Amino acid sequence: MASTPVITVLYFAAVRDAIGKGEERLVLPAEVTTVAELSRFLENRHPALAGRLGSVRYAVNEVFAALEAPLAAGDVVAVIPPVSGG
């Protein structure tokens, strides 16, 4: 029997503010195997994120990742919204 994949998700800036936490450990359902699927999963898990993740960047294990990037047990995924300032 395969182990259930557990990942850590780090939330930054406006995303952190929207859900009220900076980090959480998640058990991924079998259908969540890529960053894109994780994005949809997070929008369902946290209604405050619905429609807000289209412009964020994702990093998996401290490396920016494409939406097609696979996820594996033990990964650390950062959700990084656009930053403005000057």
PDB file of N, CA and C in Angstrom:
ATOM      1  N   MET A   1       0.848  -1.192   0.000  1.00  0.00           N
ATOM      2  CA  MET A   1       0.000   0.000   0.000  1.00  0.00           C
ATOM      3  C   MET A   1       0.881   1.238   0.000  1.00  0.00           C
ATOM      4  N   ALA A   2       0.609   2.173  -0.879  1.00  0.00           N
ATOM      5  CA  ALA A   2       1.394   3.398  -0.973  1.00  0.00           C
ATOM      6  C   ALA A   2       1.069   4.310   0.205  1.00  0.00           C
ATOM      7  N   SER A   3       2.074   5.054   0.646  1.00  0.00           N
ATOM      8  CA  SER A   3       1.833   5.988   1.741  1.00  0.00           C
ATOM      9  C   SER A   3       1.056   7.191   1.216  1.00  0.00           C
ATOM     10  N   THR A   4       0.319   7.816   2.098  1.00  0.00           N
ATOM     11  CA  THR A   4      -0.446   9.000   1.735  1.00  0.00           C
ATOM     12  C   THR A   4       0.508  10.183   1.672  1.00  0.00           C
ATOM     13  N   PRO A   5       0.524  10.908   0.544  1.00  0.00           N
ATOM     14  CA  PRO A   5       1.461  12.029   0.442  1.00  0.00           C
ATOM     15  C   PRO A   5       1.060  13.193   1.349  1.00  0.00           C
ATOM     16  N   VAL A   6       2.012  13.613   2.164  1.00  0.00           N
ATOM     17  CA  VAL A   6       1.831  14.772   3.021  1.00  0.00           C
ATOM     18  C   VAL A   6       2.831  15.821   2.563  1.00  0.00           C
ATOM     19  N   ILE A   7       2.350  17.040   2.339  1.00  0.00           N
ATOM     20  CA  ILE A   7       3.224  18.144   1.955  1.00  0.00           C
ATOM     21  C   ILE A   7       3.029  19.283   2.946  1.00  0.00           C
ATOM     22  N   THR A   8       3.956  20.220   2.919  1.00  0.00           N
ATOM     23  CA  THR A   8       3.835  21.450   3.701  1.00  0.00           C
ATOM     24  C   THR A   8       3.627  22.585   2.716  1.00  0.00           C
ATOM     25  N   VAL A   9       2.631  23.422   2.992  1.00  0.00           N
ATOM     26  CA  VAL A   9       2.359  24.576   2.140  1.00  0.00           C
ATOM     27  C   VAL A   9       2.652  25.832   2.959  1.00  0.00           C
ATOM     28  N   LEU A  10       3.471  26.713   2.378  1.00  0.00           N
ATOM     29  CA  LEU A  10       3.802  27.992   3.000  1.00  0.00           C
ATOM     30  C   LEU A  10       3.062  29.092   2.251  1.00  0.00           C
ATOM     31  N   TYR A  11       2.362  29.936   2.992  1.00  0.00           N
ATOM     32  CA  TYR A  11       1.584  31.017   2.393  1.00  0.00           C
ATOM     33  C   TYR A  11       2.256  32.354   2.712  1.00  0.00           C
ATOM     34  N   PHE A  12       2.341  33.230   1.708  1.00  0.00           N
ATOM     35  CA  PHE A  12       2.997  34.511   1.898  1.00  0.00           C
ATOM     36  C   PHE A  12       2.065  35.671   1.571  1.00  0.00           C
ATOM     37  N   ALA A  13       2.345  36.810   2.179  1.00  0.00           N
ATOM     38  CA  ALA A  13       1.731  38.108   1.884  1.00  0.00           C
ATOM     39  C   ALA A  13       0.201  38.038   1.856  1.00  0.00           C
ATOM     40  N   ALA A  14      -0.422  38.487   0.765  1.00  0.00           N
ATOM     41  CA  ALA A  14      -1.879  38.587   0.683  1.00  0.00           C
ATOM     42  C   ALA A  14      -2.561  37.228   0.819  1.00  0.00           C
ATOM     43  N   VAL A  15      -1.918  36.167   0.360  1.00  0.00           N
ATOM     44  CA  VAL A  15      -2.512  34.829   0.495  1.00  0.00           C
ATOM     45  C   VAL A  15      -2.553  34.444   1.972  1.00  0.00           C
ATOM     46  N   ARG A  16      -1.469  34.683   2.681  1.00  0.00           N
ATOM     47  CA  ARG A  16      -1.427  34.412   4.124  1.00  0.00           C
ATOM     48  C   ARG A  16      -2.509  35.213   4.839  1.00  0.00           C
ATOM     49  N   ASP A  17      -2.630  36.487   4.477  1.00  0.00           N
ATOM     50  CA  ASP A  17      -3.632  37.335   5.115  1.00  0.00           C
ATOM     51  C   ASP A  17      -5.053  36.843   4.830  1.00  0.00           C
ATOM     52  N   ALA A  18      -5.301  36.358   3.626  1.00  0.00           N
ATOM     53  CA  ALA A  18      -6.642  35.914   3.232  1.00  0.00           C
ATOM     54  C   ALA A  18      -7.109  34.703   4.027  1.00  0.00           C
ATOM     55  N   ILE A  19      -6.177  33.800   4.354  1.00  0.00           N
ATOM     56  CA  ILE A  19      -6.602  32.579   5.056  1.00  0.00           C
ATOM     57  C   ILE A  19      -6.225  32.573   6.532  1.00  0.00           C
ATOM     58  N   GLY A  20      -5.433  33.555   6.952  1.00  0.00           N
ATOM     59  CA  GLY A  20      -5.123  33.685   8.370  1.00  0.00           C
ATOM     60  C   GLY A  20      -4.087  32.714   8.896  1.00  0.00           C
ATOM     61  N   LYS A  21      -3.266  32.162   8.007  1.00  0.00           N
ATOM     62  CA  LYS A  21      -2.186  31.291   8.477  1.00  0.00           C
ATOM     63  C   LYS A  21      -1.042  31.338   7.485  1.00  0.00           C
ATOM     64  N   GLY A  22       0.148  31.080   7.976  1.00  0.00           N
ATOM     65  CA  GLY A  22       1.332  31.137   7.142  1.00  0.00           C
ATOM     66  C   GLY A  22       1.820  29.782   6.659  1.00  0.00           C
ATOM     67  N   GLU A  23       1.279  28.724   7.247  1.00  0.00           N
ATOM     68  CA  GLU A  23       1.780  27.385   6.908  1.00  0.00           C
ATOM     69  C   GLU A  23       0.759  26.342   7.325  1.00  0.00           C
ATOM     70  N   GLU A  24       0.721  25.251   6.572  1.00  0.00           N
ATOM     71  CA  GLU A  24      -0.071  24.099   6.998  1.00  0.00           C
ATOM     72  C   GLU A  24       0.462  22.839   6.332  1.00  0.00           C
ATOM     73  N   ARG A  25       0.275  21.734   7.026  1.00  0.00           N
ATOM     74  CA  ARG A  25       0.606  20.431   6.457  1.00  0.00           C
ATOM     75  C   ARG A  25      -0.676  19.848   5.902  1.00  0.00           C
ATOM     76  N   LEU A  26      -0.588  19.302   4.697  1.00  0.00           N
ATOM     77  CA  LEU A  26      -1.775  18.774   4.028  1.00  0.00           C
ATOM     78  C   LEU A  26      -1.547  17.338   3.583  1.00  0.00           C
ATOM     79  N   VAL A  27      -2.569  16.524   3.769  1.00  0.00           N
ATOM     80  CA  VAL A  27      -2.603  15.194   3.170  1.00  0.00           C
ATOM     81  C   VAL A  27      -3.275  15.367   1.820  1.00  0.00           C
ATOM     82  N   LEU A  28      -2.563  15.035   0.758  1.00  0.00           N
ATOM     83  CA  LEU A  28      -3.108  15.247  -0.583  1.00  0.00           C
ATOM     84  C   LEU A  28      -4.001  14.100  -1.010  1.00  0.00           C
ATOM     85  N   PRO A  29      -5.166  14.412  -1.576  1.00  0.00           N
ATOM     86  CA  PRO A  29      -5.990  13.363  -2.177  1.00  0.00           C
ATOM     87  C   PRO A  29      -5.252  12.755  -3.374  1.00  0.00           C
ATOM     88  N   ALA A  30      -5.614  11.566  -3.747  1.00  0.00           N
ATOM     89  CA  ALA A  30      -4.932  10.855  -4.839  1.00  0.00           C
ATOM     90  C   ALA A  30      -4.931  11.641  -6.141  1.00  0.00           C
ATOM     91  N   GLU A  31      -5.964  12.448  -6.376  1.00  0.00           N
ATOM     92  CA  GLU A  31      -6.053  13.172  -7.652  1.00  0.00           C
ATOM     93  C   GLU A  31      -5.178  14.429  -7.691  1.00  0.00           C
ATOM     94  N   VAL A  32      -4.560  14.807  -6.597  1.00  0.00           N
ATOM     95  CA  VAL A  32      -3.701  15.994  -6.562  1.00  0.00           C
ATOM     96  C   VAL A  32      -2.243  15.544  -6.702  1.00  0.00           C
ATOM     97  N   THR A  33      -1.729  15.669  -7.935  1.00  0.00           N
ATOM     98  CA  THR A  33      -0.370  15.192  -8.207  1.00  0.00           C
ATOM     99  C   THR A  33       0.524  16.263  -8.819  1.00  0.00           C
ATOM    100  N   THR A  34      -0.055  17.433  -9.162  1.00  0.00           N
ATOM    101  CA  THR A  34       0.721  18.520  -9.768  1.00  0.00           C
ATOM    102  C   THR A  34       0.431  19.829  -9.037  1.00  0.00           C
ATOM    103  N   VAL A  35       1.230  20.832  -9.324  1.00  0.00           N
ATOM    104  CA  VAL A  35       1.025  22.153  -8.742  1.00  0.00           C
ATOM    105  C   VAL A  35      -0.339  22.717  -9.157  1.00  0.00           C
ATOM    106  N   ALA A  36      -0.729  22.543 -10.414  1.00  0.00           N
ATOM    107  CA  ALA A  36      -2.034  23.042 -10.878  1.00  0.00           C
ATOM    108  C   ALA A  36      -3.182  22.405 -10.094  1.00  0.00           C
ATOM    109  N   GLU A  37      -3.097  21.106  -9.873  1.00  0.00           N
ATOM    110  CA  GLU A  37      -4.144  20.420  -9.107  1.00  0.00           C
ATOM    111  C   GLU A  37      -4.139  20.880  -7.656  1.00  0.00           C
ATOM    112  N   LEU A  38      -2.949  21.148  -7.104  1.00  0.00           N
ATOM    113  CA  LEU A  38      -2.860  21.684  -5.744  1.00  0.00           C
ATOM    114  C   LEU A  38      -3.535  23.054  -5.680  1.00  0.00           C
ATOM    115  N   SER A  39      -3.334  23.883  -6.691  1.00  0.00           N
ATOM    116  CA  SER A  39      -3.953  25.200  -6.717  1.00  0.00           C
ATOM    117  C   SER A  39      -5.475  25.091  -6.626  1.00  0.00           C
ATOM    118  N   ARG A  40      -6.054  24.208  -7.427  1.00  0.00           N
ATOM    119  CA  ARG A  40      -7.517  24.000  -7.381  1.00  0.00           C
ATOM    120  C   ARG A  40      -7.941  23.466  -6.012  1.00  0.00           C
ATOM    121  N   PHE A  41      -7.162  22.541  -5.462  1.00  0.00           N
ATOM    122  CA  PHE A  41      -7.449  21.965  -4.148  1.00  0.00           C
ATOM    123  C   PHE A  41      -7.447  23.066  -3.075  1.00  0.00           C
ATOM    124  N   LEU A  42      -6.463  23.964  -3.131  1.00  0.00           N
ATOM    125  CA  LEU A  42      -6.380  25.038  -2.144  1.00  0.00           C
ATOM    126  C   LEU A  42      -7.553  25.998  -2.261  1.00  0.00           C
ATOM    127  N   GLU A  43      -7.999  26.286  -3.487  1.00  0.00           N
ATOM    128  CA  GLU A  43      -9.162  27.164  -3.655  1.00  0.00           C
ATOM    129  C   GLU A  43     -10.422  26.533  -3.065  1.00  0.00           C
ATOM    130  N   ASN A  44     -10.549  25.222  -3.169  1.00  0.00           N
ATOM    131  CA  ASN A  44     -11.696  24.535  -2.567  1.00  0.00           C
ATOM    132  C   ASN A  44     -11.573  24.459  -1.056  1.00  0.00           C
ATOM    133  N   ARG A  45     -10.367  24.253  -0.567  1.00  0.00           N
ATOM    134  CA  ARG A  45     -10.123  24.121   0.879  1.00  0.00           C
ATOM    135  C   ARG A  45     -10.303  25.458   1.592  1.00  0.00           C
ATOM    136  N   HIS A  46      -9.868  26.527   0.943  1.00  0.00           N
ATOM    137  CA  HIS A  46      -9.926  27.871   1.526  1.00  0.00           C
ATOM    138  C   HIS A  46     -10.741  28.775   0.596  1.00  0.00           C
ATOM    139  N   PRO A  47     -12.049  28.893   0.822  1.00  0.00           N
ATOM    140  CA  PRO A  47     -12.900  29.693  -0.057  1.00  0.00           C
ATOM    141  C   PRO A  47     -12.395  31.121  -0.272  1.00  0.00           C
ATOM    142  N   ALA A  48     -11.669  31.694   0.683  1.00  0.00           N
ATOM    143  CA  ALA A  48     -11.141  33.052   0.524  1.00  0.00           C
ATOM    144  C   ALA A  48     -10.124  33.135  -0.618  1.00  0.00           C
ATOM    145  N   LEU A  49      -9.602  32.003  -1.064  1.00  0.00           N
ATOM    146  CA  LEU A  49      -8.627  31.989  -2.150  1.00  0.00           C
ATOM    147  C   LEU A  49      -9.266  31.818  -3.524  1.00  0.00           C
ATOM    148  N   ALA A  50     -10.556  31.530  -3.569  1.00  0.00           N
ATOM    149  CA  ALA A  50     -11.222  31.286  -4.847  1.00  0.00           C
ATOM    150  C   ALA A  50     -11.009  32.459  -5.792  1.00  0.00           C
ATOM    151  N   GLY A  51     -10.450  32.168  -6.957  1.00  0.00           N
ATOM    152  CA  GLY A  51     -10.204  33.185  -7.960  1.00  0.00           C
ATOM    153  C   GLY A  51      -8.991  34.056  -7.709  1.00  0.00           C
ATOM    154  N   ARG A  52      -8.255  33.803  -6.636  1.00  0.00           N
ATOM    155  CA  ARG A  52      -7.115  34.663  -6.290  1.00  0.00           C
ATOM    156  C   ARG A  52      -5.761  34.027  -6.584  1.00  0.00           C
ATOM    157  N   LEU A  53      -5.738  32.774  -7.026  1.00  0.00           N
ATOM    158  CA  LEU A  53      -4.454  32.095  -7.195  1.00  0.00           C
ATOM    159  C   LEU A  53      -3.928  32.124  -8.631  1.00  0.00           C
ATOM    160  N   GLY A  54      -4.655  32.762  -9.536  1.00  0.00           N
ATOM    161  CA  GLY A  54      -4.226  32.807 -10.928  1.00  0.00           C
ATOM    162  C   GLY A  54      -2.936  33.571 -11.160  1.00  0.00           C
ATOM    163  N   SER A  55      -2.620  34.504 -10.288  1.00  0.00           N
ATOM    164  CA  SER A  55      -1.427  35.319 -10.501  1.00  0.00           C
ATOM    165  C   SER A  55      -0.283  34.984  -9.548  1.00  0.00           C
ATOM    166  N   VAL A  56      -0.459  33.968  -8.725  1.00  0.00           N
ATOM    167  CA  VAL A  56       0.614  33.627  -7.785  1.00  0.00           C
ATOM    168  C   VAL A  56       1.689  32.795  -8.469  1.00  0.00           C
ATOM    169  N   ARG A  57       2.862  32.765  -7.867  1.00  0.00           N
ATOM    170  CA  ARG A  57       3.936  31.865  -8.293  1.00  0.00           C
ATOM    171  C   ARG A  57       4.022  30.768  -7.246  1.00  0.00           C
ATOM    172  N   TYR A  58       4.461  29.616  -7.675  1.00  0.00           N
ATOM    173  CA  TYR A  58       4.651  28.495  -6.771  1.00  0.00           C
ATOM    174  C   TYR A  58       6.120  28.106  -6.788  1.00  0.00           C
ATOM    175  N   ALA A  59       6.611  27.732  -5.631  1.00  0.00           N
ATOM    176  CA  ALA A  59       7.953  27.169  -5.532  1.00  0.00           C
ATOM    177  C   ALA A  59       7.825  25.830  -4.833  1.00  0.00           C
ATOM    178  N   VAL A  60       8.489  24.828  -5.366  1.00  0.00           N
ATOM    179  CA  VAL A  60       8.506  23.501  -4.747  1.00  0.00           C
ATOM    180  C   VAL A  60       9.928  23.250  -4.292  1.00  0.00           C
ATOM    181  N   ASN A  61      10.080  23.058  -2.994  1.00  0.00           N
ATOM    182  CA  ASN A  61      11.399  22.828  -2.398  1.00  0.00           C
ATOM    183  C   ASN A  61      12.381  23.935  -2.775  1.00  0.00           C
ATOM    184  N   GLU A  62      11.891  25.189  -2.671  1.00  0.00           N
ATOM    185  CA  GLU A  62      12.673  26.411  -2.864  1.00  0.00           C
ATOM    186  C   GLU A  62      13.081  26.688  -4.313  1.00  0.00           C
ATOM    187  N   VAL A  63      12.428  26.041  -5.271  1.00  0.00           N
ATOM    188  CA  VAL A  63      12.694  26.289  -6.690  1.00  0.00           C
ATOM    189  C   VAL A  63      11.366  26.631  -7.354  1.00  0.00           C
ATOM    190  N   PHE A  64      11.312  27.776  -8.076  1.00  0.00           N
ATOM    191  CA  PHE A  64      10.066  28.125  -8.758  1.00  0.00           C
ATOM    192  C   PHE A  64       9.638  26.973  -9.647  1.00  0.00           C
ATOM    193  N   ALA A  65       8.324  26.692  -9.652  1.00  0.00           N
ATOM    194  CA  ALA A  65       7.804  25.519 -10.348  1.00  0.00           C
ATOM    195  C   ALA A  65       6.686  25.905 -11.300  1.00  0.00           C
ATOM    196  N   ALA A  66       6.641  25.222 -12.428  1.00  0.00           N
ATOM    197  CA  ALA A  66       5.549  25.376 -13.380  1.00  0.00           C
ATOM    198  C   ALA A  66       4.310  24.664 -12.847  1.00  0.00           C
ATOM    199  N   LEU A  67       3.166  25.019 -13.403  1.00  0.00           N
ATOM    200  CA  LEU A  67       1.920  24.387 -12.967  1.00  0.00           C
ATOM    201  C   LEU A  67       1.911  22.884 -13.220  1.00  0.00           C
ATOM    202  N   GLU A  68       2.666  22.435 -14.221  1.00  0.00           N
ATOM    203  CA  GLU A  68       2.711  21.002 -14.543  1.00  0.00           C
ATOM    204  C   GLU A  68       3.640  20.219 -13.619  1.00  0.00           C
ATOM    205  N   ALA A  69       4.392  20.914 -12.770  1.00  0.00           N
ATOM    206  CA  ALA A  69       5.379  20.242 -11.922  1.00  0.00           C
ATOM    207  C   ALA A  69       4.714  19.219 -11.015  1.00  0.00           C
ATOM    208  N   PRO A  70       5.310  18.026 -10.910  1.00  0.00           N
ATOM    209  CA  PRO A  70       4.742  16.995 -10.047  1.00  0.00           C
ATOM    210  C   PRO A  70       5.008  17.291  -8.580  1.00  0.00           C
ATOM    211  N   LEU A  71       4.142  16.759  -7.732  1.00  0.00           N
ATOM    212  CA  LEU A  71       4.316  16.862  -6.286  1.00  0.00           C
ATOM    213  C   LEU A  71       4.596  15.482  -5.723  1.00  0.00           C
ATOM    214  N   ALA A  72       5.374  15.462  -4.642  1.00  0.00           N
ATOM    215  CA  ALA A  72       5.705  14.197  -3.988  1.00  0.00           C
ATOM    216  C   ALA A  72       5.609  14.387  -2.478  1.00  0.00           C
ATOM    217  N   ALA A  73       5.442  13.281  -1.781  1.00  0.00           N
ATOM    218  CA  ALA A  73       5.390  13.316  -0.323  1.00  0.00           C
ATOM    219  C   ALA A  73       6.626  14.023   0.209  1.00  0.00           C
ATOM    220  N   GLY A  74       6.431  14.879   1.198  1.00  0.00           N
ATOM    221  CA  GLY A  74       7.529  15.594   1.820  1.00  0.00           C
ATOM    222  C   GLY A  74       7.871  16.923   1.183  1.00  0.00           C
ATOM    223  N   ASP A  75       7.269  17.235   0.036  1.00  0.00           N
ATOM    224  CA  ASP A  75       7.553  18.506  -0.625  1.00  0.00           C
ATOM    225  C   ASP A  75       7.120  19.680   0.249  1.00  0.00           C
ATOM    226  N   VAL A  76       7.826  20.792   0.072  1.00  0.00           N
ATOM    227  CA  VAL A  76       7.435  22.064   0.674  1.00  0.00           C
ATOM    228  C   VAL A  76       7.085  22.986  -0.481  1.00  0.00           C
ATOM    229  N   VAL A  77       5.831  23.442  -0.503  1.00  0.00           N
ATOM    230  CA  VAL A  77       5.333  24.280  -1.589  1.00  0.00           C
ATOM    231  C   VAL A  77       5.053  25.674  -1.039  1.00  0.00           C
ATOM    232  N   ALA A  78       5.660  26.678  -1.657  1.00  0.00           N
ATOM    233  CA  ALA A  78       5.413  28.065  -1.272  1.00  0.00           C
ATOM    234  C   ALA A  78       4.438  28.689  -2.260  1.00  0.00           C
ATOM    235  N   VAL A  79       3.457  29.416  -1.745  1.00  0.00           N
ATOM    236  CA  VAL A  79       2.484  30.134  -2.569  1.00  0.00           C
ATOM    237  C   VAL A  79       2.824  31.617  -2.423  1.00  0.00           C
ATOM    238  N   ILE A  80       3.307  32.203  -3.523  1.00  0.00           N
ATOM    239  CA  ILE A  80       3.889  33.547  -3.470  1.00  0.00           C
ATOM    240  C   ILE A  80       3.105  34.482  -4.389  1.00  0.00           C
ATOM    241  N   PRO A  81       2.312  35.399  -3.808  1.00  0.00           N
ATOM    242  CA  PRO A  81       1.568  36.338  -4.643  1.00  0.00           C
ATOM    243  C   PRO A  81       2.488  37.397  -5.241  1.00  0.00           C
ATOM    244  N   PRO A  82       2.005  38.115  -6.262  1.00  0.00           N
ATOM    245  CA  PRO A  82       2.818  39.185  -6.837  1.00  0.00           C
ATOM    246  C   PRO A  82       3.138  40.237  -5.772  1.00  0.00           C
ATOM    247  N   VAL A  83       4.299  40.801  -5.898  1.00  0.00           N
ATOM    248  CA  VAL A  83       4.732  41.823  -4.944  1.00  0.00           C
ATOM    249  C   VAL A  83       4.810  43.156  -5.681  1.00  0.00           C
ATOM    250  N   SER A  84       4.255  44.177  -5.064  1.00  0.00           N
ATOM    251  CA  SER A  84       4.367  45.503  -5.659  1.00  0.00           C
ATOM    252  C   SER A  84       5.091  46.397  -4.666  1.00  0.00           C
ATOM    253  N   GLY A  85       5.618  47.448  -5.165  1.00  0.00           N
ATOM    254  CA  GLY A  85       6.330  48.386  -4.296  1.00  0.00           C
ATOM    255  C   GLY A  85       7.337  49.158  -5.107  1.00  0.00           C
ATOM    256  N   GLY A  86       8.048  49.986  -4.425  1.00  0.00           N
ATOM    257  CA  GLY A  86       9.017  50.765  -5.169  1.00  0.00           C
ATOM    258  C   GLY A  86       9.991  51.452  -4.290  1.00  0.00           C
TER     259      GLY A  86
END
